[in-house]
Protein backbone atom coordinates (compact mmCIF):
# COMPACT_ATOMS: atom_id res chain seq x y z
CA MET A 1 101.34 293.41 74.12
CA SER A 2 103.65 290.85 75.62
CA SER A 3 101.23 290.19 78.47
CA LYS A 4 98.30 289.70 76.08
CA ARG A 5 100.33 287.38 73.89
CA ALA A 6 101.28 285.31 76.93
CA GLN A 7 97.64 285.00 77.93
CA ASN A 8 96.66 283.90 74.44
CA GLU A 9 99.41 281.30 74.37
CA SER A 10 98.38 280.10 77.78
CA GLY A 11 94.76 279.95 76.71
CA ASP A 12 95.62 278.07 73.51
CA THR A 13 97.63 275.57 75.49
CA ASP A 14 94.77 274.97 77.89
CA MET A 15 92.38 274.45 75.00
CA LYS A 16 94.80 272.00 73.37
CA LYS A 17 95.09 270.09 76.63
CA LYS A 18 91.30 269.91 76.91
CA LYS A 19 90.96 268.77 73.30
CA LYS A 20 93.65 266.16 73.78
CA LYS A 21 91.98 264.92 76.93
CA ARG A 22 88.62 264.65 75.18
CA SER A 23 90.23 262.88 72.21
CA SER A 24 92.07 260.29 74.28
CA SER A 25 89.00 259.53 76.37
CA SER A 26 86.59 259.37 73.42
CA VAL A 27 85.16 255.95 72.71
CA GLU A 28 84.20 254.87 69.23
CA THR A 29 81.39 252.40 68.79
CA VAL A 30 81.28 249.76 66.11
CA GLU A 31 78.27 247.94 64.73
CA LEU A 32 78.71 244.47 63.30
CA CYS A 33 76.79 243.25 60.28
CA GLY A 34 73.17 242.28 60.78
CA ALA A 35 73.75 238.57 60.15
CA VAL A 36 75.87 238.34 63.30
CA GLU A 37 73.20 240.06 65.37
CA GLU A 38 70.35 237.74 64.34
CA GLU A 39 69.59 234.86 66.71
CA GLU A 40 68.07 232.76 63.93
CA VAL A 41 71.23 233.03 61.83
CA LYS A 42 73.39 232.06 64.81
CA ARG A 43 71.38 228.89 65.38
CA ALA A 44 71.55 227.99 61.70
CA VAL A 45 75.34 228.55 61.53
CA LYS A 46 75.82 226.49 64.68
CA GLU A 47 73.88 223.57 63.22
CA ALA A 48 75.65 223.77 59.85
CA TRP A 49 79.09 223.97 61.46
CA SER A 50 78.32 221.00 63.69
CA ASN A 51 77.08 218.94 60.72
CA LYS A 52 79.77 220.27 58.34
CA THR A 53 77.17 221.40 55.82
CA HIS A 54 76.98 224.52 53.69
CA TYR A 55 74.97 227.54 54.87
CA SER A 56 74.44 230.98 53.39
CA LYS A 57 72.36 233.96 54.48
CA GLY A 58 72.90 237.49 53.21
CA ASP A 59 76.53 238.49 53.70
CA LEU A 60 77.40 235.36 55.70
CA GLU A 61 78.49 232.06 54.19
CA LEU A 62 79.73 228.88 55.83
CA ASP A 63 81.55 226.48 53.52
CA CYS A 64 82.99 223.16 54.69
CA HIS A 65 85.22 222.42 51.70
CA PRO A 66 88.07 221.61 52.19
CA PHE A 67 87.52 222.38 55.90
CA PRO A 68 84.91 224.54 57.68
CA HIS A 69 85.43 228.28 57.18
CA CYS A 70 83.09 231.22 57.49
CA ILE A 71 83.09 234.32 55.25
CA ILE A 72 81.30 237.45 56.41
CA LYS A 73 81.16 240.33 53.93
CA ASN A 74 80.51 243.90 55.11
CA PHE A 75 81.52 242.72 58.57
CA LEU A 76 81.50 246.25 59.98
CA SER A 77 78.29 248.17 59.24
CA CYS A 78 79.73 251.69 59.07
CA GLN A 79 81.98 252.44 56.09
CA THR A 80 83.34 255.57 57.74
CA PHE A 81 84.47 253.50 60.71
CA VAL A 82 86.23 251.01 58.40
CA GLU A 83 88.03 253.82 56.56
CA ASN A 84 89.17 255.37 59.85
CA LEU A 85 90.30 251.96 61.10
CA GLN A 86 92.34 251.49 57.94
CA ARG A 87 93.89 254.95 58.37
CA GLU A 88 94.91 254.24 61.99
CA LEU A 89 96.42 250.89 61.03
CA LEU A 90 98.48 252.34 58.18
CA GLU A 91 99.93 254.90 60.61
CA LEU A 92 101.36 252.12 62.81
CA SER A 93 105.01 251.07 62.74
CA PHE A 94 105.59 247.78 60.95
CA ASN A 95 108.38 245.24 61.37
CA GLU A 96 109.93 243.28 58.51
CA LYS A 97 109.24 239.57 59.05
CA SER A 98 111.15 237.00 57.03
CA ASN A 99 112.10 233.36 57.54
CA ASP A 100 111.55 230.03 55.78
CA LEU A 101 107.74 230.30 56.05
CA TYR A 102 106.96 233.94 55.31
CA LYS A 103 107.96 237.40 54.17
CA PHE A 104 105.72 240.37 55.05
CA LYS A 105 105.43 243.36 57.39
CA GLN A 106 103.66 243.09 60.74
CA SER A 107 102.69 245.51 63.49
CA ASP A 108 103.31 244.86 67.16
CA ASP A 109 100.49 243.23 69.11
CA LEU A 110 97.44 245.52 69.12
CA LYS A 111 95.98 244.46 72.47
CA LYS A 112 97.06 247.69 74.18
CA ARG A 113 96.74 250.21 71.34
CA LYS A 114 94.65 253.22 72.32
CA GLU A 115 93.72 254.59 68.87
CA PRO A 116 89.91 254.90 69.06
CA HIS A 117 88.99 252.77 66.03
CA ILE A 118 91.58 250.08 66.75
CA ALA A 119 90.42 249.93 70.38
CA ALA A 120 86.76 249.73 69.35
CA MET A 121 87.49 247.00 66.81
CA ARG A 122 89.41 245.00 69.38
CA ALA A 123 86.60 245.36 71.93
CA ALA A 124 83.98 244.24 69.43
CA LEU A 125 85.96 241.22 68.22
CA PHE A 126 86.95 239.92 71.65
CA GLY A 127 83.68 240.95 73.28
CA ARG A 128 80.39 240.54 71.42
CA PHE A 129 81.78 238.61 68.48
CA ARG A 130 83.76 236.22 70.69
CA SER A 131 80.56 235.44 72.55
CA TRP A 132 78.69 234.84 69.25
CA LEU A 133 81.47 232.58 67.94
CA GLY A 134 81.66 230.61 71.19
CA ASP A 135 77.90 229.94 70.97
CA VAL A 136 78.26 228.83 67.33
CA LEU A 137 81.08 226.39 68.15
CA GLY A 138 79.63 225.29 71.47
CA VAL A 139 82.87 226.07 73.35
CA GLU A 140 83.92 228.71 75.82
CA LEU A 141 86.47 230.95 74.14
CA GLU A 142 88.95 232.72 76.40
CA PRO A 143 89.12 236.53 76.64
CA THR A 144 92.78 236.34 75.49
CA VAL A 145 93.47 239.09 72.95
CA ASP A 146 95.72 237.95 70.10
CA ILE A 147 95.58 240.42 67.22
CA SER A 148 97.99 242.26 64.91
CA CYS A 149 98.04 244.01 61.56
CA ALA A 150 99.84 242.67 58.48
CA LYS A 151 100.91 244.34 55.25
CA TYR A 152 101.65 242.15 52.25
CA GLU A 153 103.23 243.90 49.29
CA TYR A 154 104.94 242.75 46.11
CA THR A 155 106.51 239.24 46.52
CA ASP A 156 105.36 238.93 50.15
CA VAL A 157 104.02 235.47 51.01
CA LEU A 158 102.99 233.15 53.84
CA LEU A 159 103.51 229.52 52.82
CA CYS A 160 101.53 226.41 53.71
CA HIS A 161 100.95 225.81 57.43
CA ASP A 162 98.12 224.82 59.79
CA ASP A 163 98.36 227.53 62.54
CA GLU A 164 98.83 224.84 65.18
CA LEU A 165 99.94 226.33 68.49
CA GLU A 166 98.74 225.50 71.98
CA GLY A 167 95.59 227.45 72.84
CA ARG A 168 94.66 228.63 69.34
CA ARG A 169 91.10 227.59 68.51
CA VAL A 170 89.86 229.92 65.74
CA ALA A 171 91.88 231.98 63.26
CA PHE A 172 90.43 235.17 61.78
CA ILE A 173 91.39 237.70 59.10
CA LEU A 174 89.67 241.02 58.37
CA TYR A 175 90.65 242.43 54.97
CA LEU A 176 91.08 246.16 54.42
CA VAL A 177 92.24 246.09 50.81
CA PRO A 178 91.66 248.15 47.67
CA PRO A 179 89.72 246.50 44.81
CA TRP A 180 91.47 243.15 44.45
CA GLN A 181 91.58 240.42 41.79
CA SER A 182 93.00 236.91 41.87
CA SER A 183 95.68 238.06 39.41
CA ASP A 184 97.01 240.34 42.18
CA GLY A 185 97.98 237.26 44.21
CA GLY A 186 97.59 237.42 47.98
CA THR A 187 94.72 234.92 47.98
CA LEU A 188 93.97 232.84 51.05
CA ASP A 189 94.49 229.31 49.71
CA LEU A 190 92.90 226.38 51.52
CA TYR A 191 94.43 222.92 51.08
CA SER A 192 92.86 219.49 50.82
CA THR A 193 94.52 216.78 52.93
CA ASP A 194 95.27 213.08 52.48
CA SER A 195 94.55 210.16 54.81
CA ASN A 196 97.63 211.05 56.87
CA PHE A 197 96.35 214.62 57.46
CA GLN A 198 99.06 215.99 55.18
CA PRO A 199 98.24 218.84 52.75
CA GLU A 200 97.89 217.81 49.11
CA SER A 201 96.78 220.63 46.83
CA ILE A 202 94.93 223.93 46.85
CA ALA A 203 91.21 223.19 46.92
CA LYS A 204 89.89 226.74 47.22
CA SER A 205 91.29 230.27 46.92
CA LEU A 206 89.62 233.23 48.63
CA VAL A 207 90.29 236.61 47.04
CA PRO A 208 90.62 239.39 49.67
CA SER A 209 87.85 241.97 49.60
CA TRP A 210 87.20 245.16 51.54
CA ASN A 211 85.63 244.76 55.00
CA THR A 212 85.37 240.96 54.72
CA LEU A 213 86.07 238.69 57.69
CA VAL A 214 87.22 235.10 57.18
CA LEU A 215 87.52 232.66 60.07
CA PHE A 216 88.18 228.95 60.55
CA GLU A 217 88.96 226.51 63.34
CA VAL A 218 92.59 225.58 63.86
CA SER A 219 92.53 221.83 63.28
CA PRO A 220 94.66 218.93 62.00
CA VAL A 221 93.46 219.75 58.47
CA SER A 222 93.41 223.58 58.47
CA PHE A 223 96.34 223.93 56.08
CA HIS A 224 96.36 227.25 54.27
CA GLN A 225 98.67 229.87 52.79
CA VAL A 226 98.69 233.48 51.69
CA SER A 227 99.80 233.22 48.08
CA GLU A 228 102.54 235.55 46.89
CA VAL A 229 101.38 239.10 46.20
CA LEU A 230 101.96 239.75 42.48
CA SER A 231 100.67 243.31 42.27
CA GLN A 232 103.46 245.89 42.37
CA ASP A 233 101.25 248.79 43.48
CA LYS A 234 98.66 247.35 45.90
CA CYS A 235 98.93 246.70 49.62
CA ARG A 236 97.14 243.71 51.14
CA LEU A 237 96.29 245.14 54.57
CA SER A 238 94.58 242.94 57.12
CA LEU A 239 93.82 242.51 60.80
CA SER A 240 94.41 238.94 61.93
CA GLY A 241 94.74 236.85 65.04
CA TRP A 242 93.27 233.98 66.98
CA PHE A 243 90.52 233.32 69.48
CA HIS A 244 91.87 231.02 72.18
CA GLY A 245 90.12 228.05 73.70
CA PRO A 246 90.37 224.28 74.10
CA SER A 247 92.36 222.83 71.19
CA LEU A 248 90.81 220.22 68.93
CA GLU A 249 92.10 216.68 69.36
CA ARG A 250 94.99 215.88 67.05
CA PRO A 251 96.04 212.50 65.67
CA PRO A 252 99.65 211.31 66.14
CA ARG A 253 102.01 213.32 63.99
CA PHE A 254 102.64 211.66 60.64
CA LYS A 255 106.21 210.47 60.14
CA GLU A 256 107.52 210.43 56.60
CA PRO A 257 109.36 207.30 55.43
CA SER A 258 113.11 207.50 55.97
CA ILE A 259 115.14 208.54 52.97
CA LEU A 260 116.95 205.62 51.40
CA LYS A 261 120.72 206.00 51.76
CA HIS A 262 123.28 204.32 49.53
CA PRO A 263 126.94 203.39 49.82
CA HIS A 264 129.33 204.54 47.13
CA LEU A 265 129.38 203.15 43.61
CA PRO A 266 132.50 201.18 42.63
CA ARG A 267 134.16 203.76 40.37
CA ASP A 268 137.90 204.46 40.43
CA GLU A 269 139.77 207.76 40.10
CA THR A 270 139.48 207.71 36.30
CA VAL A 271 136.07 209.38 36.61
CA LEU A 272 137.64 212.22 38.59
CA PHE A 273 140.21 212.97 35.90
CA GLU A 274 137.48 212.97 33.25
CA TRP A 275 135.17 215.40 35.05
CA ILE A 276 136.88 217.52 37.69
CA ASN A 277 139.01 220.62 37.31
CA PRO A 278 142.64 219.35 37.69
CA LEU A 279 143.31 222.06 40.30
CA TYR A 280 141.13 220.16 42.80
CA LEU A 281 142.98 216.89 42.20
CA ASP A 282 146.28 218.34 43.33
CA ILE A 283 147.14 216.86 46.74
CA SER A 284 148.74 220.04 48.10
CA TYR A 285 145.69 222.07 47.07
CA GLN A 286 143.40 219.51 48.73
CA GLU A 287 145.36 220.06 51.95
CA GLN A 288 144.73 223.80 51.70
CA ILE A 289 141.02 223.17 51.14
CA GLN A 290 140.87 220.85 54.16
CA THR A 291 142.56 223.43 56.39
CA GLU A 292 140.04 226.08 55.37
CA PHE A 293 137.10 223.69 55.68
CA GLU A 294 138.09 222.50 59.14
CA ASP A 295 138.26 226.12 60.25
CA SER A 296 134.79 227.15 59.03
CA SER A 297 132.90 223.87 58.29
CA GLU A 298 132.00 225.16 54.84
CA ILE A 299 133.63 226.03 51.54
CA GLN A 300 132.72 226.87 47.94
CA LEU A 301 134.90 225.47 45.17
CA THR A 302 134.41 227.55 42.02
CA ASP A 303 134.82 226.15 38.49
CA PHE A 304 134.64 222.68 40.00
CA LEU A 305 133.85 220.67 36.89
CA LYS A 306 135.79 220.93 33.67
CA GLU A 307 134.21 223.66 31.54
CA GLU A 308 133.17 221.37 28.69
CA LYS A 309 131.57 218.88 31.10
CA PHE A 310 129.71 221.66 32.91
CA ARG A 311 128.32 223.06 29.64
CA GLU A 312 127.27 219.60 28.47
CA VAL A 313 125.32 218.88 31.66
CA SER A 314 123.78 222.40 31.70
CA GLU A 315 122.41 221.94 28.19
CA ALA A 316 121.20 218.40 28.88
CA LEU A 317 119.25 219.48 31.97
CA ARG A 318 117.09 221.69 29.75
CA GLN A 319 116.00 218.75 27.58
CA THR A 320 112.26 218.22 27.51
CA HIS A 321 112.29 214.45 27.92
CA ILE A 322 113.51 214.60 31.54
CA GLN A 323 110.61 213.70 33.82
CA TRP A 324 110.32 216.30 36.57
CA MET A 325 108.18 215.33 39.56
CA LYS A 326 106.79 217.86 42.02
CA THR A 327 107.82 217.05 45.58
CA GLY A 328 105.75 217.66 48.67
CA PRO A 329 103.91 217.88 50.93
CA PRO A 330 103.63 221.70 50.62
CA ASN A 331 103.98 222.26 54.37
CA LYS A 332 107.53 220.91 54.01
CA ARG A 333 108.72 221.41 50.44
CA CYS A 334 107.73 222.38 46.93
CA TYR A 335 110.15 221.92 44.04
CA GLU A 336 110.75 219.52 41.15
CA SER A 337 112.96 216.46 41.31
CA ALA A 338 114.13 214.55 38.24
CA SER A 339 113.26 210.90 37.73
CA LEU A 340 116.67 209.23 37.59
CA ASP A 341 115.49 206.83 34.88
CA SER A 342 114.87 209.78 32.54
CA LEU A 343 118.25 211.49 32.92
CA PRO A 344 120.34 212.05 29.76
CA GLU A 345 123.54 210.04 29.70
CA CYS A 346 125.90 212.87 30.66
CA VAL A 347 123.64 213.95 33.56
CA ASN A 348 123.50 210.36 34.80
CA THR A 349 127.28 210.09 34.58
CA CYS A 350 127.63 213.27 36.64
CA TRP A 351 125.20 211.76 39.14
CA GLU A 352 127.35 208.61 39.33
CA LEU A 353 130.46 210.76 39.78
CA LEU A 354 129.03 212.24 42.98
CA ARG A 355 128.19 208.74 44.24
CA SER A 356 131.47 207.14 43.24
CA GLU A 357 134.00 205.61 45.61
CA ALA A 358 136.66 207.91 44.18
CA PHE A 359 134.52 210.97 44.96
CA PHE A 360 133.88 209.78 48.54
CA LEU A 361 137.64 209.65 49.01
CA LEU A 362 138.05 213.08 47.41
CA LEU A 363 135.48 214.51 49.82
CA SER A 364 137.42 212.96 52.69
CA ASN A 365 140.53 214.76 51.46
CA PHE A 366 138.61 218.05 51.13
CA THR A 367 136.96 217.90 54.56
CA GLY A 368 138.88 215.53 56.83
CA LEU A 369 135.63 213.58 57.38
CA HIS A 370 135.74 209.79 57.42
CA LEU A 371 133.89 209.14 54.17
CA HIS A 372 136.23 206.40 52.98
CA TYR A 373 138.02 203.58 54.77
CA LEU A 374 141.40 204.92 53.59
CA CYS A 375 140.76 208.11 55.57
CA PRO A 376 142.12 207.63 59.14
CA LYS A 377 139.87 208.33 62.11
CA ASP A 378 140.87 210.40 65.09
CA GLU A 379 139.48 210.14 68.62
CA GLU A 380 136.91 212.87 68.03
CA ASP A 381 135.58 211.03 64.95
CA GLU A 382 135.04 207.88 66.98
CA GLU A 383 133.13 209.78 69.68
CA THR A 384 130.95 211.43 67.02
CA GLU A 385 130.18 208.08 65.42
CA LYS A 386 128.71 206.77 68.67
CA ASP A 387 126.18 209.63 68.67
CA ASN A 388 125.43 209.44 64.96
CA LYS A 389 123.10 206.47 64.47
CA GLU A 390 121.62 206.17 61.03
CA GLU A 391 117.88 206.94 60.79
CA GLY A 392 117.45 205.69 57.21
CA GLU A 393 118.04 202.30 55.64
CA VAL A 394 121.30 201.52 53.89
CA ALA A 395 120.56 200.05 50.47
CA GLY A 396 122.80 197.78 48.46
CA THR A 397 125.90 197.74 50.68
CA SER A 398 128.77 196.15 48.84
CA ALA A 399 130.00 193.09 50.73
CA GLU A 400 133.28 193.24 48.81
CA SER A 401 133.83 196.89 49.74
CA SER A 402 132.95 196.26 53.40
CA SER A 403 135.23 193.26 53.74
CA ARG A 404 138.06 195.14 52.02
CA ALA A 405 137.57 198.05 54.42
CA GLU A 406 137.60 195.71 57.43
CA ALA A 407 140.76 194.00 56.20
CA ASP A 408 142.52 197.36 55.83
CA ASN A 409 141.28 198.32 59.29
CA GLY A 410 142.82 195.34 61.08
CA GLY A 411 139.63 193.28 60.82
CA LYS A 412 137.59 195.66 62.98
CA LYS A 413 133.95 196.24 62.08
CA ILE A 414 133.51 199.78 60.76
CA SER A 415 130.58 201.86 59.62
CA THR A 416 129.89 202.29 55.93
CA PRO A 417 129.71 205.89 54.70
CA VAL A 418 126.50 206.46 52.75
CA CYS A 419 124.77 209.22 50.82
CA CYS A 420 121.45 210.27 49.34
CA GLY A 421 120.83 212.80 46.61
CA GLU A 422 118.64 214.18 43.87
CA VAL A 423 118.66 216.42 40.81
CA ARG A 424 116.38 219.41 41.45
CA ARG A 425 114.80 222.16 39.39
CA TRP A 426 114.03 225.52 41.04
CA SER A 427 111.56 227.98 39.54
CA HIS A 428 108.94 230.51 40.64
CA GLY A 429 107.10 229.13 43.68
CA SER A 430 109.77 226.61 44.74
CA TYR A 431 110.87 226.37 48.40
CA THR A 432 111.64 224.09 51.32
CA LEU A 433 110.55 224.67 54.93
CA LEU A 434 111.86 223.79 58.35
CA HIS A 435 109.68 221.31 60.20
CA ASP A 436 109.63 219.48 63.53
CA ALA A 437 110.34 216.05 62.04
CA GLU A 438 113.49 217.34 60.37
CA ALA A 439 114.76 218.71 63.66
CA ALA A 440 113.99 215.45 65.47
CA GLN A 441 115.87 213.39 62.87
CA ALA A 442 118.81 215.76 62.38
CA GLU A 443 122.21 214.09 62.03
CA TYR A 444 125.80 215.06 61.53
CA ALA A 445 126.10 215.31 57.76
CA LEU A 446 127.98 216.86 54.87
CA ASP A 447 125.79 218.75 52.39
CA LEU A 448 126.83 219.13 48.77
CA ILE A 449 125.18 221.50 46.30
CA LEU A 450 126.34 221.86 42.68
CA PRO A 451 124.19 224.38 40.71
CA PHE A 452 123.66 224.64 36.95
CA GLY A 453 122.01 227.28 34.77
CA CYS A 454 121.96 230.12 37.29
CA THR A 455 123.91 232.77 35.40
CA ASP A 456 122.89 236.24 36.66
CA TRP A 457 120.62 234.73 39.33
CA GLN A 458 119.93 237.50 41.85
CA LYS A 459 119.64 237.13 45.63
CA GLU A 460 116.34 239.03 45.54
CA PHE A 461 114.84 236.14 43.50
CA GLY A 462 115.13 233.73 46.47
CA GLY A 463 116.32 230.16 45.86
CA PHE A 464 119.32 230.44 48.17
CA THR A 465 119.98 227.93 50.97
CA TYR A 466 119.84 229.21 54.55
CA TYR A 467 121.47 227.41 57.47
CA VAL A 468 120.02 228.28 60.88
CA ALA A 469 120.36 227.13 64.48
CA ASN A 470 117.50 224.89 65.64
CA GLU A 471 114.68 226.84 67.36
CA GLU A 472 116.46 230.13 66.67
CA ASP A 473 116.20 232.75 63.95
CA GLU A 474 119.94 233.22 63.87
CA GLU A 475 121.32 232.87 60.35
CA LEU A 476 124.53 230.85 60.36
CA LEU A 477 125.27 230.71 56.64
CA THR A 478 123.72 231.49 53.26
CA VAL A 479 124.68 229.57 50.12
CA HIS A 480 123.79 231.38 46.92
CA PRO A 481 123.33 229.45 43.66
CA GLU A 482 126.40 230.03 41.50
CA ASP A 483 127.19 228.18 38.28
CA ASN A 484 129.69 225.34 38.66
CA SER A 485 130.48 226.29 42.25
CA LEU A 486 130.52 223.24 44.53
CA ALA A 487 129.25 224.13 48.02
CA LEU A 488 130.21 221.86 50.91
CA VAL A 489 128.67 222.46 54.34
CA TYR A 490 129.11 220.28 57.42
CA ARG A 491 126.24 220.56 59.87
CA ASP A 492 125.60 219.16 63.32
CA LYS A 493 122.35 218.01 64.91
CA GLU A 494 121.44 221.55 65.94
CA THR A 495 121.77 223.04 62.45
CA LEU A 496 118.87 223.03 59.99
CA LYS A 497 118.55 224.31 56.44
CA PHE A 498 115.89 225.58 54.06
CA VAL A 499 115.69 227.00 50.55
CA LYS A 500 114.08 230.45 50.44
CA HIS A 501 110.91 230.79 48.36
CA VAL A 502 111.64 231.66 44.71
CA ASN A 503 109.52 234.74 44.11
CA HIS A 504 107.86 236.51 41.18
CA LYS A 505 110.91 238.69 40.50
CA SER A 506 112.59 235.62 39.00
CA THR A 507 110.07 235.75 36.13
CA GLN A 508 110.53 239.46 35.42
CA VAL A 509 113.81 239.12 33.53
CA ASP A 510 114.73 239.35 29.87
CA SER A 511 115.25 236.27 27.75
CA SER A 512 119.03 236.38 28.23
CA THR A 513 118.69 235.87 32.00
CA CYS A 514 117.65 232.60 33.60
CA ASN A 515 114.32 232.33 35.44
CA GLU A 516 114.98 228.84 36.73
CA PHE A 517 118.04 226.81 37.70
CA TYR A 518 119.05 223.26 38.54
CA ASP A 519 121.27 221.63 41.11
CA PHE A 520 122.66 218.31 42.25
CA SER A 521 121.96 218.03 45.97
CA PHE A 522 123.68 215.30 48.00
CA VAL A 523 124.03 214.53 51.70
CA TYR A 524 126.90 212.35 52.89
CA TYR A 525 127.04 210.51 56.22
CA GLU A 526 130.14 209.07 57.86
């Protein structure tokens, strides 16, 4: 009995080995849709793409608004193959991806995966289809394989960008989604651009659909986003990547106008006693704050304003007559900023408080930074000042203040501390992004954030401020919006910041919980 059992086990093992060998060496074949196989269609698409005109034939459509993109429905001819491809992709391991620009789950690169349907799909895309696409565009596309799988689920998003990266010529996305509506979110939004090649607004939204391929050239105007997924029970699964080849010529990068910076307003310490919690006006407590700040370069001062002043400003910010203006462009920022001319009196007074001479001096006492001529400089400050040339204009410098400062400084010419600021409103869809221009113009600066109306605001809603090291994903600091909590952060030229996208969860709260908040945001320069 034991001998027979051993033979059976041995035989079973041999059979399993043979089956495994056959399975691993099996090659799936994939047929592309008929439109891609027809020579006549290829010639017509090539002509339309070259002339930037519309073309449609069967399941294939080329649309040139707002920039050329091609949509191919039923891209793979065999439904069984598509279903098996979807199954293999869902069995992959996915990595959480999250930064200023996106939040979703992504597989590792698929160029070496050996699953039969994934391998066949890869071979078809970067073989026959690459050849077809190269003929359409009239360029030689490289055999470089650049493909991965992405899963977008509830609140996942990929914000406005253009895909620019050396070598990328054509972007593609193959959707493997359940029945999908625009109300589910997750649309591929294409942006129009202005005369400076900056994105303006969404000109077209493509709703994902099963077995549909979308592709477009990576160009100076190919700004697009994956809108936030709003469905709580659907998964937006897709294969995406790039065909590599000679990059399209790009115009010089647009440089935004420098932000106007202002010196302090001539207001004495009376305004401090009217508005600020007396605890923070105590000299000995200011020394404690400075010690802590100099140790960590950041601090949060809770209950900063007097309670009655804080409530007054909070209520005034909700008034309907304030003019809120949407800021952009969307590849850099998207939130609302108040027109200063429309601010209620108490909000304007709070604004003037943060720009006042007395407040500049208070900040100097809190931080040890030279933000007022009465604050003495040390040797390190003087070295820093040499490296910290102002990028923006200084508006309305007070001659009286400057001469007074010089007199108190032995007649030596000194720099004038300046600031810039705004009153912002954050709600669903708001964000700021890191961008190359910001990194190039980074300066030593003191950031101030004073939030209003964010009672019970949850971290999972987004809207918090991240500080990161330039060209690294390392998180240095996170500042969460907290009512009447003054955040001060000193950053160097290698530190950048962004506000995380405010997601759909912020709208799914009861009436007693806020779904938007406000803040005063200032930047001070020595």
